[in-house]
Amino acid sequence: MTTEQHAPISVDEMAQAFEEEVAPVDISIYAVEDWVTLAVFWGMAICVFLQFFTRYVLNDSFAWTEEIAANGLVVVVFLGAVMCVRLNRNIQVDFIYRLLPARAGRWLQLAVDLVVIVFFAYMTWLMWRYVAIVGKERMITVNLPRGFVFYTVLAAFALMFLRAIQRFIMDIVSDRAARQRPEGAGTSGI
């Protein structure tokens, strides 16, 4: 069993670590859907805190907070997936691209991009059909239509489809596909 060894550091050295110059923050990589996701996330976090507070502190919980938080989580997951598609950070195995010759890797990447586009188009169509069936249902504890959630998921799939097309065009225009770039697949360029 190995133990971590840290160099001794004085209190003055620790305090000076907070005085270092901080690089400017670049928020230009975020798109509109990212900010919407952040707002929904904070709304969900407030509902979860309210649920915790009313249940364990006041011993009289608000039942609606659990349903709103669960639906908020669904929205955050699907809108967050749009960001992953845009930034090309969805789950993938890019090891094989390093083993293939550059030309074969590029063709494989373009084929994968087309499969992803077809997948998101199909999921958008399926979600459209699903919303047509259950879009008018009401929430159980709050008298609101669940269509808010369903239509948001539909919009997220449509955005993933459009972002996948955008990624495909970028991979065609670029000299190398995203997974072949030395900085890796997590680079956006969008």
N, C-alpha and C. Protein backbone atom coordinates (compact mmCIF):
# COMPACT_ATOMS: atom_id res chain seq x y z
N MET A 1 0.84 -1.18 0.00
CA MET A 1 0.00 0.00 0.00
C MET A 1 0.88 1.23 0.00
N THR A 2 0.62 2.15 -0.94
CA THR A 2 1.43 3.36 -1.03
C THR A 2 0.67 4.51 -0.38
N THR A 3 1.43 5.40 0.20
CA THR A 3 0.83 6.58 0.82
C THR A 3 1.29 7.81 0.03
N GLU A 4 0.41 8.79 -0.05
CA GLU A 4 0.77 10.02 -0.75
C GLU A 4 1.74 10.81 0.09
N GLN A 5 2.70 11.41 -0.56
CA GLN A 5 3.69 12.23 0.12
C GLN A 5 3.59 13.64 -0.43
N HIS A 6 3.37 14.60 0.43
CA HIS A 6 3.26 15.99 0.02
C HIS A 6 4.42 16.77 0.60
N ALA A 7 4.92 17.70 -0.19
CA ALA A 7 6.00 18.56 0.30
C ALA A 7 5.43 19.50 1.36
N PRO A 8 6.16 19.72 2.43
CA PRO A 8 5.65 20.64 3.46
C PRO A 8 5.52 22.05 2.89
N ILE A 9 4.47 22.72 3.30
CA ILE A 9 4.21 24.08 2.83
C ILE A 9 3.82 24.94 4.02
N SER A 10 4.31 26.16 4.03
CA SER A 10 4.03 27.05 5.16
C SER A 10 2.67 27.71 4.97
N VAL A 11 2.20 28.32 6.05
CA VAL A 11 0.93 29.03 6.02
C VAL A 11 1.03 30.22 5.07
N ASP A 12 2.17 30.91 5.07
CA ASP A 12 2.34 32.05 4.17
C ASP A 12 2.28 31.61 2.71
N GLU A 13 2.89 30.47 2.39
CA GLU A 13 2.85 29.97 1.01
C GLU A 13 1.42 29.60 0.61
N MET A 14 0.66 29.03 1.54
CA MET A 14 -0.74 28.71 1.24
C MET A 14 -1.55 29.98 1.01
N ALA A 15 -1.32 31.01 1.83
CA ALA A 15 -2.06 32.25 1.69
C ALA A 15 -1.73 32.95 0.38
N GLN A 16 -0.48 32.86 -0.06
CA GLN A 16 -0.09 33.51 -1.31
C GLN A 16 -0.67 32.80 -2.53
N ALA A 17 -1.08 31.57 -2.38
CA ALA A 17 -1.68 30.85 -3.51
C ALA A 17 -2.98 31.51 -3.95
N PHE A 18 -3.63 32.21 -3.03
CA PHE A 18 -4.88 32.89 -3.37
C PHE A 18 -4.66 34.26 -4.00
N GLU A 19 -3.42 34.73 -4.02
CA GLU A 19 -3.12 36.04 -4.57
C GLU A 19 -2.63 35.97 -6.01
N GLU A 20 -2.56 34.77 -6.59
CA GLU A 20 -2.08 34.63 -7.96
C GLU A 20 -3.09 35.23 -8.93
N GLU A 21 -2.57 35.67 -10.05
CA GLU A 21 -3.43 36.23 -11.09
C GLU A 21 -4.33 35.14 -11.64
N VAL A 22 -5.60 35.50 -11.80
CA VAL A 22 -6.57 34.56 -12.34
C VAL A 22 -6.82 34.92 -13.80
N ALA A 23 -6.76 33.90 -14.65
CA ALA A 23 -6.99 34.13 -16.08
C ALA A 23 -8.44 34.53 -16.30
N PRO A 24 -8.69 35.34 -17.31
CA PRO A 24 -10.09 35.73 -17.57
C PRO A 24 -10.92 34.51 -17.96
N VAL A 25 -12.17 34.54 -17.56
CA VAL A 25 -13.08 33.42 -17.83
C VAL A 25 -13.68 33.61 -19.22
N ASP A 26 -13.66 32.53 -20.01
CA ASP A 26 -14.21 32.57 -21.36
C ASP A 26 -15.55 31.85 -21.37
N ILE A 27 -16.63 32.62 -21.48
CA ILE A 27 -17.96 32.01 -21.52
C ILE A 27 -18.50 31.92 -22.95
N SER A 28 -17.64 32.20 -23.92
CA SER A 28 -18.10 32.17 -25.30
C SER A 28 -18.37 30.75 -25.81
N ILE A 29 -17.90 29.73 -25.09
CA ILE A 29 -18.14 28.36 -25.54
C ILE A 29 -19.55 27.89 -25.23
N TYR A 30 -20.30 28.65 -24.45
CA TYR A 30 -21.64 28.25 -24.06
C TYR A 30 -22.68 28.80 -25.03
N ALA A 31 -23.67 27.98 -25.32
CA ALA A 31 -24.75 28.37 -26.22
C ALA A 31 -26.01 28.65 -25.40
N VAL A 32 -27.05 29.09 -26.07
CA VAL A 32 -28.30 29.45 -25.40
C VAL A 32 -28.84 28.26 -24.60
N GLU A 33 -28.81 27.06 -25.19
CA GLU A 33 -29.37 25.91 -24.50
C GLU A 33 -28.61 25.58 -23.21
N ASP A 34 -27.33 25.94 -23.15
CA ASP A 34 -26.55 25.72 -21.93
C ASP A 34 -27.05 26.61 -20.79
N TRP A 35 -27.38 27.86 -21.12
CA TRP A 35 -27.87 28.78 -20.10
C TRP A 35 -29.26 28.39 -19.63
N VAL A 36 -30.09 27.89 -20.55
CA VAL A 36 -31.41 27.40 -20.16
C VAL A 36 -31.26 26.20 -19.23
N THR A 37 -30.32 25.31 -19.56
CA THR A 37 -30.07 24.14 -18.72
C THR A 37 -29.61 24.57 -17.33
N LEU A 38 -28.75 25.57 -17.27
CA LEU A 38 -28.29 26.07 -15.98
C LEU A 38 -29.44 26.63 -15.15
N ALA A 39 -30.34 27.37 -15.79
CA ALA A 39 -31.49 27.93 -15.07
C ALA A 39 -32.40 26.81 -14.56
N VAL A 40 -32.65 25.81 -15.39
CA VAL A 40 -33.49 24.68 -14.95
C VAL A 40 -32.80 23.93 -13.82
N PHE A 41 -31.48 23.77 -13.92
CA PHE A 41 -30.74 23.09 -12.86
C PHE A 41 -30.91 23.82 -11.53
N TRP A 42 -30.79 25.15 -11.53
CA TRP A 42 -30.92 25.89 -10.28
C TRP A 42 -32.35 25.84 -9.76
N GLY A 43 -33.33 25.83 -10.66
CA GLY A 43 -34.71 25.66 -10.22
C GLY A 43 -34.91 24.31 -9.57
N MET A 44 -34.31 23.28 -10.16
CA MET A 44 -34.39 21.94 -9.60
C MET A 44 -33.68 21.89 -8.23
N ALA A 45 -32.52 22.54 -8.15
CA ALA A 45 -31.78 22.55 -6.88
C ALA A 45 -32.58 23.23 -5.78
N ILE A 46 -33.28 24.31 -6.12
CA ILE A 46 -34.12 25.00 -5.13
C ILE A 46 -35.25 24.08 -4.67
N CYS A 47 -35.85 23.35 -5.61
CA CYS A 47 -36.93 22.41 -5.25
C CYS A 47 -36.41 21.31 -4.33
N VAL A 48 -35.22 20.80 -4.63
CA VAL A 48 -34.65 19.74 -3.78
C VAL A 48 -34.35 20.29 -2.39
N PHE A 49 -33.79 21.50 -2.31
CA PHE A 49 -33.53 22.09 -1.00
C PHE A 49 -34.84 22.32 -0.25
N LEU A 50 -35.85 22.83 -0.94
CA LEU A 50 -37.14 23.06 -0.31
C LEU A 50 -37.75 21.75 0.20
N GLN A 51 -37.61 20.69 -0.60
CA GLN A 51 -38.09 19.37 -0.17
C GLN A 51 -37.36 18.92 1.10
N PHE A 52 -36.04 19.04 1.10
CA PHE A 52 -35.25 18.66 2.28
C PHE A 52 -35.64 19.50 3.50
N PHE A 53 -35.74 20.82 3.30
CA PHE A 53 -36.05 21.70 4.41
C PHE A 53 -37.43 21.41 4.99
N THR A 54 -38.43 21.28 4.14
CA THR A 54 -39.78 21.06 4.65
C THR A 54 -39.95 19.67 5.25
N ARG A 55 -39.22 18.71 4.73
CA ARG A 55 -39.37 17.34 5.25
C ARG A 55 -38.63 17.15 6.57
N TYR A 56 -37.38 17.59 6.62
CA TYR A 56 -36.56 17.27 7.79
C TYR A 56 -36.50 18.39 8.83
N VAL A 57 -36.75 19.62 8.45
CA VAL A 57 -36.71 20.71 9.42
C VAL A 57 -38.11 21.03 9.93
N LEU A 58 -39.05 21.15 9.00
CA LEU A 58 -40.42 21.49 9.40
C LEU A 58 -41.28 20.27 9.68
N ASN A 59 -40.80 19.11 9.30
CA ASN A 59 -41.50 17.83 9.48
C ASN A 59 -42.88 17.85 8.81
N ASP A 60 -42.99 18.59 7.73
CA ASP A 60 -44.23 18.66 6.97
C ASP A 60 -43.87 19.01 5.53
N SER A 61 -43.57 17.99 4.72
CA SER A 61 -43.01 18.23 3.39
C SER A 61 -44.05 18.67 2.38
N PHE A 62 -43.58 19.45 1.42
CA PHE A 62 -44.39 19.82 0.27
C PHE A 62 -44.27 18.69 -0.74
N ALA A 63 -45.38 18.09 -1.09
CA ALA A 63 -45.34 16.95 -2.00
C ALA A 63 -44.96 17.36 -3.42
N TRP A 64 -45.29 18.55 -3.81
CA TRP A 64 -45.06 18.98 -5.19
C TRP A 64 -43.59 19.15 -5.52
N THR A 65 -42.74 19.40 -4.51
CA THR A 65 -41.33 19.66 -4.80
C THR A 65 -40.65 18.44 -5.39
N GLU A 66 -41.03 17.24 -4.95
CA GLU A 66 -40.41 16.03 -5.47
C GLU A 66 -40.75 15.84 -6.95
N GLU A 67 -41.98 16.08 -7.33
CA GLU A 67 -42.37 15.91 -8.73
C GLU A 67 -41.72 16.96 -9.62
N ILE A 68 -41.68 18.19 -9.16
CA ILE A 68 -41.04 19.25 -9.94
C ILE A 68 -39.55 18.98 -10.09
N ALA A 69 -38.89 18.52 -9.02
CA ALA A 69 -37.46 18.22 -9.09
C ALA A 69 -37.19 17.05 -10.03
N ALA A 70 -38.02 16.03 -10.00
CA ALA A 70 -37.83 14.88 -10.90
C ALA A 70 -38.00 15.29 -12.36
N ASN A 71 -39.02 16.09 -12.63
CA ASN A 71 -39.21 16.57 -14.00
C ASN A 71 -38.09 17.52 -14.41
N GLY A 72 -37.61 18.32 -13.48
CA GLY A 72 -36.46 19.19 -13.76
C GLY A 72 -35.22 18.40 -14.09
N LEU A 73 -35.03 17.28 -13.41
CA LEU A 73 -33.87 16.43 -13.70
C LEU A 73 -33.94 15.87 -15.12
N VAL A 74 -35.14 15.49 -15.55
CA VAL A 74 -35.30 14.99 -16.92
C VAL A 74 -34.91 16.08 -17.92
N VAL A 75 -35.37 17.29 -17.68
CA VAL A 75 -35.05 18.40 -18.57
C VAL A 75 -33.55 18.68 -18.58
N VAL A 76 -32.93 18.69 -17.41
CA VAL A 76 -31.49 18.95 -17.32
C VAL A 76 -30.69 17.88 -18.07
N VAL A 77 -31.08 16.63 -17.94
CA VAL A 77 -30.35 15.55 -18.61
C VAL A 77 -30.41 15.71 -20.12
N PHE A 78 -31.60 15.94 -20.66
CA PHE A 78 -31.72 15.99 -22.11
C PHE A 78 -31.15 17.29 -22.69
N LEU A 79 -31.35 18.42 -22.02
CA LEU A 79 -30.74 19.65 -22.51
C LEU A 79 -29.22 19.60 -22.33
N GLY A 80 -28.74 18.95 -21.28
CA GLY A 80 -27.30 18.77 -21.11
C GLY A 80 -26.71 17.89 -22.19
N ALA A 81 -27.49 16.94 -22.69
CA ALA A 81 -27.02 16.09 -23.78
C ALA A 81 -26.80 16.90 -25.05
N VAL A 82 -27.57 17.97 -25.23
CA VAL A 82 -27.36 18.84 -26.39
C VAL A 82 -25.97 19.45 -26.34
N MET A 83 -25.56 19.88 -25.16
CA MET A 83 -24.22 20.44 -24.99
C MET A 83 -23.16 19.40 -25.31
N CYS A 84 -23.38 18.17 -24.88
CA CYS A 84 -22.42 17.10 -25.16
C CYS A 84 -22.29 16.84 -26.66
N VAL A 85 -23.39 16.88 -27.37
CA VAL A 85 -23.34 16.67 -28.82
C VAL A 85 -22.62 17.84 -29.48
N ARG A 86 -22.94 19.07 -29.06
CA ARG A 86 -22.32 20.25 -29.66
C ARG A 86 -20.81 20.25 -29.44
N LEU A 87 -20.37 19.91 -28.24
CA LEU A 87 -18.95 19.92 -27.92
C LEU A 87 -18.26 18.61 -28.26
N ASN A 88 -19.00 17.67 -28.81
CA ASN A 88 -18.47 16.35 -29.18
C ASN A 88 -17.91 15.63 -27.95
N ARG A 89 -18.63 15.69 -26.87
CA ARG A 89 -18.21 15.04 -25.62
C ARG A 89 -19.13 13.90 -25.23
N ASN A 90 -19.92 13.43 -26.19
CA ASN A 90 -20.76 12.29 -25.89
C ASN A 90 -19.88 11.04 -25.76
N ILE A 91 -20.41 10.00 -25.17
CA ILE A 91 -19.65 8.79 -24.92
C ILE A 91 -19.20 8.19 -26.24
N GLN A 92 -17.92 7.89 -26.34
CA GLN A 92 -17.37 7.38 -27.58
C GLN A 92 -16.07 6.66 -27.29
N VAL A 93 -15.70 5.82 -28.21
CA VAL A 93 -14.41 5.12 -28.12
C VAL A 93 -13.56 5.67 -29.26
N ASP A 94 -12.60 6.50 -28.92
CA ASP A 94 -11.78 7.09 -29.97
C ASP A 94 -10.40 6.45 -30.09
N PHE A 95 -10.16 5.38 -29.37
CA PHE A 95 -8.88 4.71 -29.42
C PHE A 95 -8.60 4.15 -30.81
N ILE A 96 -9.64 3.60 -31.45
CA ILE A 96 -9.46 2.98 -32.76
C ILE A 96 -9.01 3.99 -33.81
N TYR A 97 -9.36 5.25 -33.63
CA TYR A 97 -8.96 6.29 -34.59
C TYR A 97 -7.46 6.49 -34.57
N ARG A 98 -6.82 6.22 -33.47
CA ARG A 98 -5.37 6.36 -33.38
C ARG A 98 -4.64 5.19 -34.03
N LEU A 99 -5.34 4.06 -34.14
CA LEU A 99 -4.74 2.88 -34.74
C LEU A 99 -4.90 2.85 -36.26
N LEU A 100 -5.94 3.50 -36.75
CA LEU A 100 -6.22 3.49 -38.18
C LEU A 100 -5.37 4.53 -38.92
N PRO A 101 -5.13 4.28 -40.19
CA PRO A 101 -4.51 5.35 -40.99
C PRO A 101 -5.43 6.57 -41.02
N ALA A 102 -4.86 7.72 -41.25
CA ALA A 102 -5.64 8.98 -41.16
C ALA A 102 -6.83 8.97 -42.10
N ARG A 103 -6.66 8.50 -43.31
CA ARG A 103 -7.76 8.51 -44.28
C ARG A 103 -8.89 7.57 -43.84
N ALA A 104 -8.54 6.39 -43.37
CA ALA A 104 -9.55 5.44 -42.90
C ALA A 104 -10.26 5.97 -41.66
N GLY A 105 -9.50 6.60 -40.76
CA GLY A 105 -10.10 7.19 -39.57
C GLY A 105 -11.07 8.31 -39.91
N ARG A 106 -10.71 9.09 -40.91
CA ARG A 106 -11.61 10.17 -41.34
C ARG A 106 -12.91 9.61 -41.90
N TRP A 107 -12.83 8.58 -42.74
CA TRP A 107 -14.04 7.98 -43.30
C TRP A 107 -14.88 7.31 -42.22
N LEU A 108 -14.22 6.67 -41.25
CA LEU A 108 -14.96 6.07 -40.15
C LEU A 108 -15.68 7.14 -39.34
N GLN A 109 -15.00 8.26 -39.10
CA GLN A 109 -15.62 9.35 -38.34
C GLN A 109 -16.84 9.89 -39.07
N LEU A 110 -16.74 10.08 -40.37
CA LEU A 110 -17.88 10.59 -41.13
C LEU A 110 -19.03 9.59 -41.12
N ALA A 111 -18.72 8.30 -41.17
CA ALA A 111 -19.77 7.28 -41.09
C ALA A 111 -20.44 7.30 -39.72
N VAL A 112 -19.64 7.45 -38.67
CA VAL A 112 -20.20 7.53 -37.31
C VAL A 112 -21.07 8.77 -37.19
N ASP A 113 -20.61 9.89 -37.75
CA ASP A 113 -21.43 11.11 -37.73
C ASP A 113 -22.78 10.87 -38.39
N LEU A 114 -22.80 10.18 -39.51
CA LEU A 114 -24.06 9.90 -40.20
C LEU A 114 -24.97 9.00 -39.36
N VAL A 115 -24.40 8.00 -38.70
CA VAL A 115 -25.19 7.13 -37.83
C VAL A 115 -25.80 7.94 -36.69
N VAL A 116 -25.02 8.84 -36.12
CA VAL A 116 -25.51 9.69 -35.02
C VAL A 116 -26.64 10.59 -35.52
N ILE A 117 -26.49 11.15 -36.70
CA ILE A 117 -27.55 12.01 -37.26
C ILE A 117 -28.84 11.22 -37.45
N VAL A 118 -28.72 10.02 -38.02
CA VAL A 118 -29.90 9.18 -38.23
C VAL A 118 -30.53 8.81 -36.89
N PHE A 119 -29.71 8.48 -35.89
CA PHE A 119 -30.23 8.14 -34.57
C PHE A 119 -31.03 9.29 -33.97
N PHE A 120 -30.46 10.49 -33.99
CA PHE A 120 -31.17 11.63 -33.40
C PHE A 120 -32.42 12.01 -34.20
N ALA A 121 -32.37 11.84 -35.51
CA ALA A 121 -33.58 12.09 -36.31
C ALA A 121 -34.67 11.10 -35.92
N TYR A 122 -34.31 9.85 -35.76
CA TYR A 122 -35.29 8.83 -35.37
C TYR A 122 -35.84 9.08 -33.98
N MET A 123 -34.97 9.44 -33.05
CA MET A 123 -35.43 9.72 -31.68
C MET A 123 -36.33 10.96 -31.65
N THR A 124 -36.03 11.95 -32.48
CA THR A 124 -36.89 13.13 -32.56
C THR A 124 -38.27 12.74 -33.07
N TRP A 125 -38.31 11.90 -34.09
CA TRP A 125 -39.59 11.43 -34.64
C TRP A 125 -40.36 10.61 -33.60
N LEU A 126 -39.66 9.71 -32.89
CA LEU A 126 -40.33 8.92 -31.86
C LEU A 126 -40.88 9.81 -30.74
N MET A 127 -40.10 10.79 -30.34
CA MET A 127 -40.56 11.69 -29.28
C MET A 127 -41.74 12.51 -29.76
N TRP A 128 -41.76 12.91 -31.02
CA TRP A 128 -42.90 13.62 -31.59
C TRP A 128 -44.17 12.78 -31.49
N ARG A 129 -44.05 11.51 -31.82
CA ARG A 129 -45.20 10.59 -31.73
C ARG A 129 -45.63 10.40 -30.28
N TYR A 130 -44.66 10.28 -29.37
CA TYR A 130 -44.95 10.09 -27.95
C TYR A 130 -45.69 11.30 -27.38
N VAL A 131 -45.22 12.50 -27.72
CA VAL A 131 -45.85 13.72 -27.23
C VAL A 131 -47.28 13.83 -27.75
N ALA A 132 -47.50 13.38 -28.97
CA ALA A 132 -48.86 13.41 -29.52
C ALA A 132 -49.81 12.54 -28.71
N ILE A 133 -49.28 11.48 -28.10
CA ILE A 133 -50.12 10.55 -27.33
C ILE A 133 -50.33 11.04 -25.90
N VAL A 134 -49.24 11.45 -25.23
CA VAL A 134 -49.34 11.75 -23.80
C VAL A 134 -49.07 13.22 -23.47
N GLY A 135 -48.99 14.08 -24.46
CA GLY A 135 -48.63 15.48 -24.23
C GLY A 135 -49.61 16.27 -23.39
N LYS A 136 -50.85 15.83 -23.30
CA LYS A 136 -51.87 16.58 -22.54
C LYS A 136 -52.07 16.05 -21.12
N GLU A 137 -51.30 15.06 -20.71
CA GLU A 137 -51.44 14.54 -19.34
C GLU A 137 -51.08 15.63 -18.34
N ARG A 138 -51.64 15.54 -17.17
CA ARG A 138 -51.38 16.51 -16.11
C ARG A 138 -50.45 15.88 -15.07
N MET A 139 -49.73 16.72 -14.38
CA MET A 139 -48.90 16.25 -13.28
C MET A 139 -49.81 15.83 -12.13
N ILE A 140 -49.29 14.99 -11.25
CA ILE A 140 -50.10 14.43 -10.18
C ILE A 140 -50.32 15.43 -9.05
N THR A 141 -49.25 16.05 -8.57
CA THR A 141 -49.38 16.91 -7.40
C THR A 141 -49.56 18.38 -7.76
N VAL A 142 -49.21 18.75 -8.97
CA VAL A 142 -49.35 20.14 -9.42
C VAL A 142 -50.23 20.10 -10.66
N ASN A 143 -51.18 20.96 -10.74
CA ASN A 143 -52.10 20.95 -11.87
C ASN A 143 -51.48 21.67 -13.07
N LEU A 144 -50.39 21.10 -13.57
CA LEU A 144 -49.71 21.61 -14.76
C LEU A 144 -49.61 20.49 -15.78
N PRO A 145 -49.58 20.82 -17.06
CA PRO A 145 -49.43 19.77 -18.06
C PRO A 145 -48.00 19.22 -18.06
N ARG A 146 -47.89 17.90 -18.18
CA ARG A 146 -46.56 17.28 -18.27
C ARG A 146 -45.95 17.54 -19.64
N GLY A 147 -46.76 18.10 -20.52
CA GLY A 147 -46.27 18.43 -21.85
C GLY A 147 -45.07 19.36 -21.82
N PHE A 148 -44.95 20.19 -20.76
CA PHE A 148 -43.76 21.03 -20.62
C PHE A 148 -42.50 20.18 -20.69
N VAL A 149 -42.51 19.10 -19.95
CA VAL A 149 -41.35 18.21 -19.92
C VAL A 149 -41.19 17.49 -21.25
N PHE A 150 -42.29 16.95 -21.77
CA PHE A 150 -42.23 16.18 -23.01
C PHE A 150 -41.80 17.05 -24.19
N TYR A 151 -42.32 18.25 -24.27
CA TYR A 151 -41.93 19.14 -25.37
C TYR A 151 -40.49 19.60 -25.23
N THR A 152 -40.01 19.74 -24.00
CA THR A 152 -38.60 20.08 -23.80
C THR A 152 -37.70 18.95 -24.25
N VAL A 153 -38.08 17.72 -23.95
CA VAL A 153 -37.29 16.56 -24.41
C VAL A 153 -37.33 16.48 -25.93
N LEU A 154 -38.48 16.73 -26.52
CA LEU A 154 -38.60 16.76 -27.98
C LEU A 154 -37.67 17.84 -28.56
N ALA A 155 -37.70 19.02 -27.97
CA ALA A 155 -36.82 20.10 -28.44
C ALA A 155 -35.36 19.73 -28.27
N ALA A 156 -35.03 19.04 -27.18
CA ALA A 156 -33.64 18.62 -26.96
C ALA A 156 -33.20 17.63 -28.03
N PHE A 157 -34.04 16.66 -28.36
CA PHE A 157 -33.68 15.72 -29.42
C PHE A 157 -33.55 16.44 -30.77
N ALA A 158 -34.43 17.40 -31.04
CA ALA A 158 -34.31 18.15 -32.29
C ALA A 158 -33.01 18.96 -32.31
N LEU A 159 -32.65 19.56 -31.17
CA LEU A 159 -31.38 20.30 -31.09
C LEU A 159 -30.19 19.36 -31.23
N MET A 160 -30.26 18.17 -30.62
CA MET A 160 -29.17 17.20 -30.79
C MET A 160 -29.03 16.81 -32.25
N PHE A 161 -30.15 16.64 -32.94
CA PHE A 161 -30.13 16.33 -34.37
C PHE A 161 -29.43 17.46 -35.15
N LEU A 162 -29.82 18.70 -34.86
CA LEU A 162 -29.21 19.84 -35.57
C LEU A 162 -27.73 20.00 -35.22
N ARG A 163 -27.39 19.80 -33.97
CA ARG A 163 -25.98 19.90 -33.57
C ARG A 163 -25.15 18.76 -34.18
N ALA A 164 -25.75 17.60 -34.35
CA ALA A 164 -25.04 16.48 -35.00
C ALA A 164 -24.78 16.81 -36.47
N ILE A 165 -25.76 17.44 -37.12
CA ILE A 165 -25.55 17.87 -38.51
C ILE A 165 -24.43 18.92 -38.56
N GLN A 166 -24.46 19.84 -37.60
CA GLN A 166 -23.41 20.86 -37.53
C GLN A 166 -22.04 20.22 -37.33
N ARG A 167 -21.96 19.21 -36.48
CA ARG A 167 -20.71 18.49 -36.25
C ARG A 167 -20.25 17.79 -37.53
N PHE A 168 -21.18 17.17 -38.25
CA PHE A 168 -20.86 16.49 -39.50
C PHE A 168 -20.28 17.47 -40.52
N ILE A 169 -20.90 18.63 -40.64
CA ILE A 169 -20.40 19.64 -41.58
C ILE A 169 -19.01 20.10 -41.17
N MET A 170 -18.80 20.30 -39.89
CA MET A 170 -17.47 20.70 -39.41
C MET A 170 -16.43 19.62 -39.70
N ASP A 171 -16.81 18.35 -39.56
CA ASP A 171 -15.87 17.27 -39.83
C ASP A 171 -15.57 17.16 -41.33
N ILE A 172 -16.54 17.52 -42.17
CA ILE A 172 -16.28 17.51 -43.62
C ILE A 172 -15.35 18.65 -44.00
N VAL A 173 -15.61 19.84 -43.47
CA VAL A 173 -14.83 21.03 -43.83
C VAL A 173 -13.42 20.96 -43.26
N SER A 174 -13.28 20.42 -42.07
CA SER A 174 -11.98 20.35 -41.40
C SER A 174 -11.08 19.36 -42.11
N ASP A 175 -9.77 19.58 -41.99
CA ASP A 175 -8.83 18.65 -42.60
C ASP A 175 -8.78 17.32 -41.86
N ARG A 176 -9.13 17.34 -40.58
CA ARG A 176 -9.20 16.11 -39.79
C ARG A 176 -10.47 16.12 -38.96
N ALA A 177 -11.04 14.94 -38.77
CA ALA A 177 -12.24 14.82 -37.93
C ALA A 177 -11.86 15.08 -36.48
N ALA A 178 -12.85 15.38 -35.67
CA ALA A 178 -12.62 15.76 -34.27
C ALA A 178 -11.85 14.69 -33.49
N ARG A 179 -12.13 13.44 -33.74
CA ARG A 179 -11.48 12.38 -32.99
C ARG A 179 -10.04 12.15 -33.45
N GLN A 180 -9.66 12.73 -34.57
CA GLN A 180 -8.30 12.59 -35.06
C GLN A 180 -7.41 13.75 -34.65
N ARG A 181 -7.99 14.80 -34.09
CA ARG A 181 -7.20 15.97 -33.71
C ARG A 181 -6.37 15.65 -32.48
N PRO A 182 -5.18 16.19 -32.41
CA PRO A 182 -4.32 15.88 -31.26
C PRO A 182 -4.89 16.32 -29.93
N GLU A 183 -5.70 17.40 -29.94
CA GLU A 183 -6.28 17.85 -28.67
C GLU A 183 -7.45 17.01 -28.23
N GLY A 184 -7.91 16.11 -29.08
CA GLY A 184 -8.92 15.15 -28.67
C GLY A 184 -10.32 15.49 -29.13
N ALA A 185 -11.23 14.62 -28.75
CA ALA A 185 -12.62 14.72 -29.21
C ALA A 185 -13.41 15.74 -28.42
N GLY A 186 -12.91 16.23 -27.33
CA GLY A 186 -13.68 17.17 -26.52
C GLY A 186 -13.59 18.59 -27.02
N THR A 187 -12.98 18.79 -28.19
CA THR A 187 -12.87 20.15 -28.71
C THR A 187 -14.07 20.48 -29.54
N SER A 188 -14.42 21.71 -29.48
CA SER A 188 -15.67 22.09 -30.11
C SER A 188 -15.45 22.78 -31.44
N GLY A 189 -14.91 23.94 -31.41
CA GLY A 189 -14.81 24.73 -32.59
C GLY A 189 -16.12 25.39 -32.96
N ILE A 190 -17.17 25.12 -32.23
CA ILE A 190 -18.48 25.71 -32.52
C ILE A 190 -18.70 26.88 -31.61
